[in-house]
Amino acid sequence: MGQPTSAPRIDFSQLLRAAEGLTQWRPMLLGFLTLVAAGLLMVAGQFLAFRLGGGAGALISAFIALLVVVVVAAGFSGAGVMLMDRAKAIEPRSMVDALLFGLTCLPKFIGFALVLLGLALGLTMVASLVYFVCKLPGIGPLLLFVAHPVLVVLTGVTFTAITWVAVPLFTPAVWDGRSFKESLSLVYAVARTRLIQVVALLLGLYVVMSVIALLLLAALFPGYGLMTGLAAAIVGPGMLGGGMSSIVGILGGMDMGGGGGHLYAGMLATGLIFGVATTLMFQVLIMGVNLVYLSATAGLDIAASQGALETHLEQAKQKAREAQERARMAAERARQAMPQAATAPVAGAVPSPAAKTAVHCPQCHEGIHADDLFCGSCGVNHGYFLYEMRHFEC
């Protein structure tokens, strides 16, 4: 196993290269076409769901939603692959090759989502077990006082690590051509040794993105507001109506106020404008995440990281098996002790005739005398119950 490598210094200047994403037209075109395809699929899905209705409409909507997720993931993965090539200063691959590679990334992303789901379920199970223990009388409140803040902090740290480290590192690792296991090992190693560097670089990236977004919006909104108002004054106010619901309503045969072709044109033009702006922002984000990944993994011993991950996973499995065995043995001891405790006579006690026919209230399960017609705890009438019991004894 290799020696641990020291983390490189934090270099924020490299984040300025995130703006290079605005100059890469092929990934930009792929990202824009992805948004167009996803938008058309959503419109078609809403139209079919509106037409069919009922269970068939809901099924079609669910299928279209799944298809939209696949299209968006594959399309932007293709753009991410081309921007990764650019970040590594190599010749970007073609759009078709990048899109096909993006499709092969989907199983890894699904597996990663399942890993995160398993982590969340495991954390939930541990917390539930602790809270059940906190119900014990006496020590329970004190344990709750200590355990609740610890669990809150642990949950916050876990979800922060997922959103700030795991996802921003696993995704570009897959785009870099690494296997599923290698990508997980990288995330694990960086989280252990270079967490501060990654968080600092991501914060810097978000600052760069915010500045670029403000510049784009400052250039876009004045022109959009001025030209849209001028077009509405000349062409007519019909082009101002719109939105996804208007498209579905027109396709479904509903009267949308006589907007006609101008309504279509206005909505499509607005979608085109903001689709391009969204694509540009995604270009900056993807390029920046790739740069953070390359910086955080520079000089990292992949073999040592993978070996450490396997060792810790095996230790976790062993501890889980030991805990399961201890829980099983404790439950077995408790099960064996319960009949003995129930049947053990009290030393020096002389059973009375009434004790031989002692019963328990079926309502509150408190002990009652054989001659009692009403429960002293809950007041339920036991006359019929006692009659049946005596009849059975006879």
Protein backbone atom coordinates (compact mmCIF):
# COMPACT_ATOMS: atom_id res chain seq x y z
CA MET A 1 0.00 0.00 0.00
CA GLY A 2 1.41 3.35 -1.04
CA GLN A 3 2.34 6.14 1.30
CA PRO A 4 -0.28 8.83 1.85
CA THR A 5 0.29 11.86 -0.28
CA SER A 6 0.10 15.40 0.99
CA ALA A 7 -2.80 17.51 -0.20
CA PRO A 8 -1.87 20.13 -2.81
CA ARG A 9 -2.34 23.74 -1.86
CA ILE A 10 -5.67 25.43 -2.58
CA ASP A 11 -5.36 27.33 -5.86
CA PHE A 12 -8.45 29.43 -6.52
CA SER A 13 -7.02 30.92 -9.70
CA GLN A 14 -7.72 27.73 -11.62
CA LEU A 15 -11.44 28.22 -11.02
CA LEU A 16 -11.36 31.11 -13.47
CA ARG A 17 -11.01 28.44 -16.14
CA ALA A 18 -14.63 27.54 -15.44
CA ALA A 19 -15.54 30.41 -17.77
CA GLU A 20 -13.95 28.38 -20.60
CA GLY A 21 -17.17 26.40 -20.64
CA LEU A 22 -18.82 29.39 -22.29
CA THR A 23 -16.53 29.00 -25.31
CA GLN A 24 -17.10 25.29 -25.98
CA TRP A 25 -19.84 25.16 -28.58
CA ARG A 26 -20.13 21.39 -28.99
CA PRO A 27 -20.96 20.56 -25.36
CA MET A 28 -23.11 23.69 -25.32
CA LEU A 29 -25.06 22.44 -28.34
CA LEU A 30 -25.44 18.99 -26.78
CA GLY A 31 -26.69 20.49 -23.53
CA PHE A 32 -29.16 22.73 -25.35
CA LEU A 33 -30.50 19.85 -27.46
CA THR A 34 -30.85 17.84 -24.25
CA LEU A 35 -33.02 20.55 -22.71
CA VAL A 36 -35.10 20.79 -25.88
CA ALA A 37 -35.64 17.02 -25.97
CA ALA A 38 -36.55 16.96 -22.28
CA GLY A 39 -39.00 19.84 -22.76
CA LEU A 40 -40.69 18.17 -25.74
CA LEU A 41 -40.98 14.92 -23.81
CA MET A 42 -42.59 16.70 -20.86
CA VAL A 43 -45.08 18.47 -23.15
CA ALA A 44 -45.91 15.18 -24.87
CA GLY A 45 -46.29 13.43 -21.53
CA GLN A 46 -48.66 16.06 -20.17
CA PHE A 47 -50.67 16.02 -23.40
CA LEU A 48 -51.03 12.21 -23.32
CA ALA A 49 -51.86 12.21 -19.61
CA PHE A 50 -54.50 14.91 -20.24
CA ARG A 51 -56.00 12.95 -23.12
CA LEU A 52 -55.99 9.51 -21.49
CA GLY A 53 -56.67 10.46 -17.87
CA GLY A 54 -57.07 8.00 -15.02
CA GLY A 55 -54.57 5.23 -14.37
CA ALA A 56 -53.35 5.11 -17.97
CA GLY A 57 -52.52 8.81 -17.88
CA ALA A 58 -50.65 8.45 -14.59
CA LEU A 59 -48.69 5.50 -16.00
CA ILE A 60 -47.74 7.45 -19.12
CA SER A 61 -46.68 10.43 -16.99
CA ALA A 62 -44.45 8.22 -14.84
CA PHE A 63 -42.85 6.62 -17.90
CA ILE A 64 -42.23 9.97 -19.57
CA ALA A 65 -40.75 11.35 -16.34
CA LEU A 66 -38.33 8.41 -16.19
CA LEU A 67 -37.44 8.93 -19.84
CA VAL A 68 -36.78 12.63 -19.19
CA VAL A 69 -34.37 11.72 -16.38
CA VAL A 70 -32.51 9.34 -18.69
CA VAL A 71 -32.28 11.91 -21.48
CA VAL A 72 -31.06 14.69 -19.17
CA ALA A 73 -28.53 12.44 -17.43
CA ALA A 74 -27.16 11.05 -20.69
CA GLY A 75 -27.08 14.41 -22.46
CA PHE A 76 -25.35 16.37 -19.74
CA SER A 77 -23.00 13.45 -19.08
CA GLY A 78 -21.99 13.70 -22.71
CA ALA A 79 -21.38 17.43 -22.26
CA GLY A 80 -19.46 16.68 -19.06
CA VAL A 81 -17.23 14.20 -20.88
CA MET A 82 -16.30 16.77 -23.53
CA LEU A 83 -15.66 19.44 -20.90
CA MET A 84 -13.54 16.95 -18.93
CA ASP A 85 -11.38 16.51 -22.02
CA ARG A 86 -11.08 20.29 -22.21
CA ALA A 87 -10.17 20.54 -18.52
CA LYS A 88 -7.44 17.92 -19.02
CA ALA A 89 -6.15 19.87 -22.06
CA ILE A 90 -6.74 17.01 -24.49
CA GLU A 91 -8.66 16.90 -27.75
CA PRO A 92 -12.39 16.68 -26.95
CA ARG A 93 -14.13 13.66 -28.42
CA SER A 94 -16.97 13.97 -30.90
CA MET A 95 -20.53 14.72 -29.85
CA VAL A 96 -21.75 11.22 -30.79
CA ASP A 97 -18.94 9.49 -28.90
CA ALA A 98 -19.54 11.70 -25.88
CA LEU A 99 -23.28 10.98 -25.93
CA LEU A 100 -22.70 7.21 -26.16
CA PHE A 101 -20.21 7.43 -23.29
CA GLY A 102 -22.80 9.40 -21.33
CA LEU A 103 -25.25 6.53 -21.74
CA THR A 104 -22.70 4.10 -20.28
CA CYS A 105 -22.41 6.36 -17.22
CA LEU A 106 -26.05 5.86 -16.25
CA PRO A 107 -25.62 2.44 -14.51
CA LYS A 108 -22.83 3.91 -12.35
CA PHE A 109 -25.03 6.83 -11.36
CA ILE A 110 -27.87 4.46 -10.49
CA GLY A 111 -25.51 2.37 -8.38
CA PHE A 112 -24.25 5.49 -6.62
CA ALA A 113 -27.83 6.56 -5.89
CA LEU A 114 -28.48 3.13 -4.36
CA VAL A 115 -25.36 3.47 -2.20
CA LEU A 116 -26.56 6.86 -0.93
CA LEU A 117 -30.02 5.40 -0.31
CA GLY A 118 -28.47 2.54 1.67
CA LEU A 119 -26.44 5.03 3.68
CA ALA A 120 -29.55 7.05 4.49
CA LEU A 121 -31.48 3.91 5.48
CA GLY A 122 -28.60 2.71 7.65
CA LEU A 123 -28.41 6.04 9.43
CA THR A 124 -32.19 5.97 9.94
CA MET A 125 -32.07 2.44 11.40
CA VAL A 126 -29.26 3.35 13.81
CA ALA A 127 -31.11 6.47 14.94
CA SER A 128 -34.35 4.49 15.38
CA LEU A 129 -32.56 1.89 17.50
CA VAL A 130 -31.05 4.61 19.70
CA TYR A 131 -34.43 6.31 20.15
CA PHE A 132 -36.04 2.99 21.09
CA VAL A 133 -33.37 2.53 23.76
CA CYS A 134 -34.17 6.05 24.96
CA LYS A 135 -37.66 4.81 25.91
CA LEU A 136 -36.19 2.81 28.80
CA PRO A 137 -37.33 4.12 32.20
CA GLY A 138 -34.73 5.80 34.33
CA ILE A 139 -31.74 6.10 32.01
CA GLY A 140 -33.85 6.88 28.91
CA PRO A 141 -34.20 10.66 29.36
CA LEU A 142 -30.48 11.08 30.09
CA LEU A 143 -29.58 9.00 27.04
CA LEU A 144 -31.97 11.07 24.90
CA PHE A 145 -30.35 14.28 26.16
CA VAL A 146 -26.94 13.02 24.98
CA ALA A 147 -27.90 11.06 21.86
CA HIS A 148 -30.26 13.51 20.16
CA PRO A 149 -27.71 16.31 19.57
CA VAL A 150 -25.13 13.74 18.44
CA LEU A 151 -27.54 12.24 15.91
CA VAL A 152 -28.55 15.69 14.65
CA VAL A 153 -24.91 16.67 14.07
CA LEU A 154 -24.08 13.29 12.52
CA THR A 155 -27.01 13.55 10.10
CA GLY A 156 -26.06 17.10 9.14
CA VAL A 157 -22.43 16.14 8.52
CA THR A 158 -23.50 13.13 6.46
CA PHE A 159 -25.79 15.05 4.15
CA THR A 160 -23.28 17.89 3.86
CA ALA A 161 -20.61 15.39 2.84
CA ILE A 162 -22.97 13.90 0.26
CA THR A 163 -23.93 17.22 -1.35
CA TRP A 164 -20.56 18.95 -1.02
CA VAL A 165 -18.13 16.07 -1.60
CA ALA A 166 -19.68 12.83 -2.79
CA VAL A 167 -21.82 14.05 -5.69
CA PRO A 168 -19.40 16.76 -6.99
CA LEU A 169 -16.54 14.22 -7.02
CA PHE A 170 -18.22 10.98 -8.06
CA THR A 171 -19.83 12.52 -11.16
CA PRO A 172 -16.62 13.85 -12.78
CA ALA A 173 -14.78 10.68 -11.75
CA VAL A 174 -17.23 8.70 -13.88
CA TRP A 175 -16.81 11.21 -16.72
CA ASP A 176 -13.06 10.67 -16.39
CA GLY A 177 -13.59 7.02 -17.31
CA ARG A 178 -13.06 5.49 -13.88
CA SER A 179 -14.92 2.39 -12.78
CA PHE A 180 -17.65 2.44 -10.18
CA LYS A 181 -15.34 1.07 -7.49
CA GLU A 182 -12.54 3.49 -8.34
CA SER A 183 -14.95 6.43 -8.22
CA LEU A 184 -16.20 5.40 -4.78
CA SER A 185 -12.61 4.98 -3.58
CA LEU A 186 -11.75 8.48 -4.79
CA VAL A 187 -14.72 9.99 -2.96
CA TYR A 188 -13.77 8.11 0.21
CA ALA A 189 -10.10 9.12 0.03
CA VAL A 190 -10.81 12.78 -0.68
CA ALA A 191 -13.40 12.96 2.10
CA ARG A 192 -10.82 11.59 4.54
CA THR A 193 -7.75 13.58 3.50
CA ARG A 194 -8.76 16.62 1.42
CA LEU A 195 -12.20 17.61 2.63
CA ILE A 196 -11.31 21.23 3.48
CA GLN A 197 -9.69 21.78 0.09
CA VAL A 198 -12.72 20.45 -1.81
CA VAL A 199 -15.21 22.52 0.21
CA ALA A 200 -13.11 25.67 -0.24
CA LEU A 201 -12.79 25.12 -4.00
CA LEU A 202 -16.51 24.46 -4.38
CA LEU A 203 -17.31 27.64 -2.45
CA GLY A 204 -15.00 29.53 -4.79
CA LEU A 205 -16.68 27.90 -7.79
CA TYR A 206 -20.11 29.01 -6.60
CA VAL A 207 -18.83 32.57 -6.24
CA VAL A 208 -17.52 32.47 -9.82
CA MET A 209 -20.84 31.04 -11.03
CA SER A 210 -22.79 33.75 -9.21
CA VAL A 211 -20.76 36.49 -10.85
CA ILE A 212 -21.19 34.97 -14.31
CA ALA A 213 -24.92 34.45 -13.70
CA LEU A 214 -25.35 38.07 -12.69
CA LEU A 215 -23.56 39.20 -15.85
CA LEU A 216 -25.77 36.96 -18.01
CA LEU A 217 -28.97 38.12 -16.35
CA ALA A 218 -27.88 41.75 -16.48
CA ALA A 219 -27.46 41.38 -20.23
CA LEU A 220 -30.56 39.23 -20.79
CA PHE A 221 -33.41 40.75 -18.80
CA PRO A 222 -33.23 44.34 -20.04
CA GLY A 223 -33.24 43.19 -23.64
CA TYR A 224 -35.93 40.60 -23.00
CA GLY A 225 -38.20 43.06 -21.19
CA LEU A 226 -37.76 45.83 -23.76
CA MET A 227 -38.20 43.66 -26.86
CA THR A 228 -41.07 41.63 -25.41
CA GLY A 229 -42.96 44.79 -24.51
CA LEU A 230 -42.33 46.26 -27.97
CA ALA A 231 -43.43 43.03 -29.69
CA ALA A 232 -46.60 42.86 -27.59
CA ALA A 233 -47.43 46.46 -28.48
CA ILE A 234 -47.02 45.83 -32.22
CA VAL A 235 -47.96 42.17 -32.73
CA GLY A 236 -50.53 42.00 -29.97
CA PRO A 237 -50.73 40.92 -26.32
CA GLY A 238 -51.49 37.32 -27.38
CA MET A 239 -47.79 36.48 -27.55
CA LEU A 240 -47.38 37.32 -23.86
CA GLY A 241 -49.65 34.50 -22.67
CA GLY A 242 -48.08 31.13 -22.22
CA GLY A 243 -46.28 28.63 -20.16
CA MET A 244 -46.36 24.85 -20.17
CA SER A 245 -50.04 24.78 -19.18
CA SER A 246 -50.94 26.87 -22.22
CA ILE A 247 -49.20 24.43 -24.57
CA VAL A 248 -50.99 21.48 -23.01
CA GLY A 249 -54.30 23.35 -23.12
CA ILE A 250 -53.95 24.16 -26.81
CA LEU A 251 -52.94 20.59 -27.64
CA GLY A 252 -55.94 19.39 -25.67
CA GLY A 253 -58.32 21.58 -27.66
CA MET A 254 -58.94 24.18 -24.98
CA ASP A 255 -59.57 27.81 -25.86
CA MET A 256 -56.57 29.81 -24.66
CA GLY A 257 -57.93 33.24 -25.47
CA GLY A 258 -57.27 33.48 -29.20
CA GLY A 259 -53.47 33.72 -29.01
CA GLY A 260 -53.10 31.43 -32.02
CA GLY A 261 -49.73 31.22 -33.75
CA HIS A 262 -48.36 34.26 -31.93
CA LEU A 263 -48.88 32.47 -28.63
CA TYR A 264 -46.89 29.50 -29.90
CA ALA A 265 -44.16 31.71 -31.27
CA GLY A 266 -43.88 33.74 -28.08
CA MET A 267 -43.62 30.67 -25.86
CA LEU A 268 -41.10 28.93 -28.09
CA ALA A 269 -38.97 32.07 -28.38
CA THR A 270 -39.00 32.54 -24.60
CA GLY A 271 -38.09 28.90 -24.11
CA LEU A 272 -35.24 29.27 -26.59
CA ILE A 273 -33.83 32.34 -24.83
CA PHE A 274 -33.89 30.90 -21.33
CA GLY A 275 -32.83 27.47 -22.57
CA VAL A 276 -29.64 29.01 -23.95
CA ALA A 277 -29.05 30.91 -20.68
CA THR A 278 -29.58 27.72 -18.64
CA THR A 279 -27.19 25.80 -20.89
CA LEU A 280 -24.51 28.45 -20.43
CA MET A 281 -24.79 28.23 -16.66
CA PHE A 282 -24.57 24.44 -16.77
CA GLN A 283 -21.46 24.77 -18.92
CA VAL A 284 -19.78 26.87 -16.24
CA LEU A 285 -20.89 24.53 -13.44
CA ILE A 286 -19.76 21.34 -15.20
CA MET A 287 -16.41 22.82 -16.24
CA GLY A 288 -15.83 24.09 -12.70
CA VAL A 289 -16.71 20.76 -11.08
CA ASN A 290 -14.29 19.01 -13.43
CA LEU A 291 -11.53 21.43 -12.42
CA VAL A 292 -12.25 20.88 -8.71
CA TYR A 293 -12.12 17.12 -9.24
CA LEU A 294 -8.78 17.28 -11.05
CA SER A 295 -7.31 19.51 -8.35
CA ALA A 296 -8.62 17.40 -5.45
CA THR A 297 -7.37 14.10 -6.91
CA ALA A 298 -3.95 15.31 -8.08
CA GLY A 299 -1.25 13.02 -6.69
CA LEU A 300 -3.79 10.79 -4.92
CA ASP A 301 -2.79 7.12 -4.54
CA ILE A 302 -5.77 5.35 -6.09
CA ALA A 303 -4.61 1.83 -5.19
CA ALA A 304 -4.09 2.79 -1.54
CA SER A 305 -7.49 4.50 -1.43
CA GLN A 306 -9.24 1.48 -2.90
CA GLY A 307 -7.50 -0.84 -0.45
CA ALA A 308 -8.45 1.37 2.50
CA LEU A 309 -12.08 1.47 1.36
CA GLU A 310 -12.23 -2.33 1.07
CA THR A 311 -10.67 -2.72 4.53
CA HIS A 312 -13.14 -0.34 6.17
CA LEU A 313 -16.08 -1.98 4.39
CA GLU A 314 -14.99 -5.40 5.61
CA GLN A 315 -14.59 -4.08 9.15
CA ALA A 316 -18.05 -2.53 8.99
CA LYS A 317 -19.55 -5.82 7.78
CA GLN A 318 -17.81 -7.73 10.58
CA LYS A 319 -19.07 -5.28 13.21
CA ALA A 320 -22.58 -5.52 11.77
CA ARG A 321 -22.47 -9.32 11.95
CA GLU A 322 -21.21 -9.20 15.55
CA ALA A 323 -23.92 -6.72 16.54
CA GLN A 324 -26.56 -8.91 14.89
CA GLU A 325 -25.31 -11.98 16.75
CA ARG A 326 -25.30 -10.14 20.08
CA ALA A 327 -28.84 -8.92 19.46
CA ARG A 328 -29.97 -12.45 18.59
CA MET A 329 -28.40 -13.92 21.74
CA ALA A 330 -29.92 -11.19 23.92
CA ALA A 331 -33.36 -11.81 22.42
CA GLU A 332 -32.96 -15.55 22.99
CA ARG A 333 -32.01 -15.04 26.63
CA ALA A 334 -34.96 -12.71 27.14
CA ARG A 335 -37.31 -15.23 25.53
CA GLN A 336 -36.07 -18.04 27.78
CA ALA A 337 -36.28 -15.90 30.91
CA MET A 338 -39.88 -14.80 30.37
CA PRO A 339 -41.60 -18.20 31.07
CA GLN A 340 -39.41 -18.79 34.12
CA ALA A 341 -40.26 -15.37 35.56
CA ALA A 342 -43.95 -15.92 34.91
CA THR A 343 -44.09 -19.36 36.56
CA ALA A 344 -41.61 -18.87 39.44
CA PRO A 345 -43.41 -18.98 42.85
CA VAL A 346 -42.78 -16.30 45.42
CA ALA A 347 -40.76 -17.61 48.38
CA GLY A 348 -42.88 -18.07 51.52
CA ALA A 349 -46.14 -17.28 49.78
CA VAL A 350 -49.17 -19.49 50.37
CA PRO A 351 -51.47 -19.66 47.39
CA SER A 352 -55.05 -18.81 48.26
CA PRO A 353 -58.10 -20.29 46.59
CA ALA A 354 -58.78 -16.97 44.96
CA ALA A 355 -55.25 -16.87 43.54
CA LYS A 356 -55.86 -20.16 41.77
CA THR A 357 -58.66 -18.55 39.83
CA ALA A 358 -57.00 -15.13 39.49
CA VAL A 359 -57.53 -13.58 36.09
CA HIS A 360 -56.48 -10.45 34.21
CA CYS A 361 -58.71 -7.77 32.80
CA PRO A 362 -58.91 -8.21 29.01
CA GLN A 363 -59.28 -4.43 28.66
CA CYS A 364 -56.32 -3.05 30.68
CA HIS A 365 -54.60 -6.37 31.62
CA GLU A 366 -54.55 -5.52 35.34
CA GLY A 367 -55.08 -8.36 37.83
CA ILE A 368 -58.64 -8.79 39.18
CA HIS A 369 -60.19 -11.03 41.84
CA ALA A 370 -62.18 -14.02 40.73
CA ASP A 371 -65.33 -12.63 42.40
CA ASP A 372 -65.00 -9.08 40.99
CA LEU A 373 -67.69 -8.06 38.53
CA PHE A 374 -65.94 -4.82 37.58
CA CYS A 375 -62.25 -4.01 36.99
CA GLY A 376 -60.85 -1.76 39.70
CA SER A 377 -58.60 0.00 37.18
CA CYS A 378 -60.72 0.64 34.10
CA GLY A 379 -64.23 -0.24 35.38
CA VAL A 380 -65.12 -2.68 32.61
CA ASN A 381 -67.88 -5.24 33.44
CA HIS A 382 -66.44 -8.76 33.75
CA GLY A 383 -69.62 -10.57 34.71
CA TYR A 384 -69.99 -12.38 31.42
CA PHE A 385 -66.26 -13.05 31.19
CA LEU A 386 -66.16 -14.60 34.72
CA TYR A 387 -69.25 -16.64 33.99
CA GLU A 388 -67.65 -18.16 30.93
CA MET A 389 -64.43 -18.86 32.86
CA ARG A 390 -66.24 -20.65 35.70
CA HIS A 391 -68.32 -22.62 33.24
CA PHE A 392 -65.09 -23.73 31.57
CA GLU A 393 -63.55 -24.79 34.93
CA CYS A 394 -66.63 -26.83 35.76
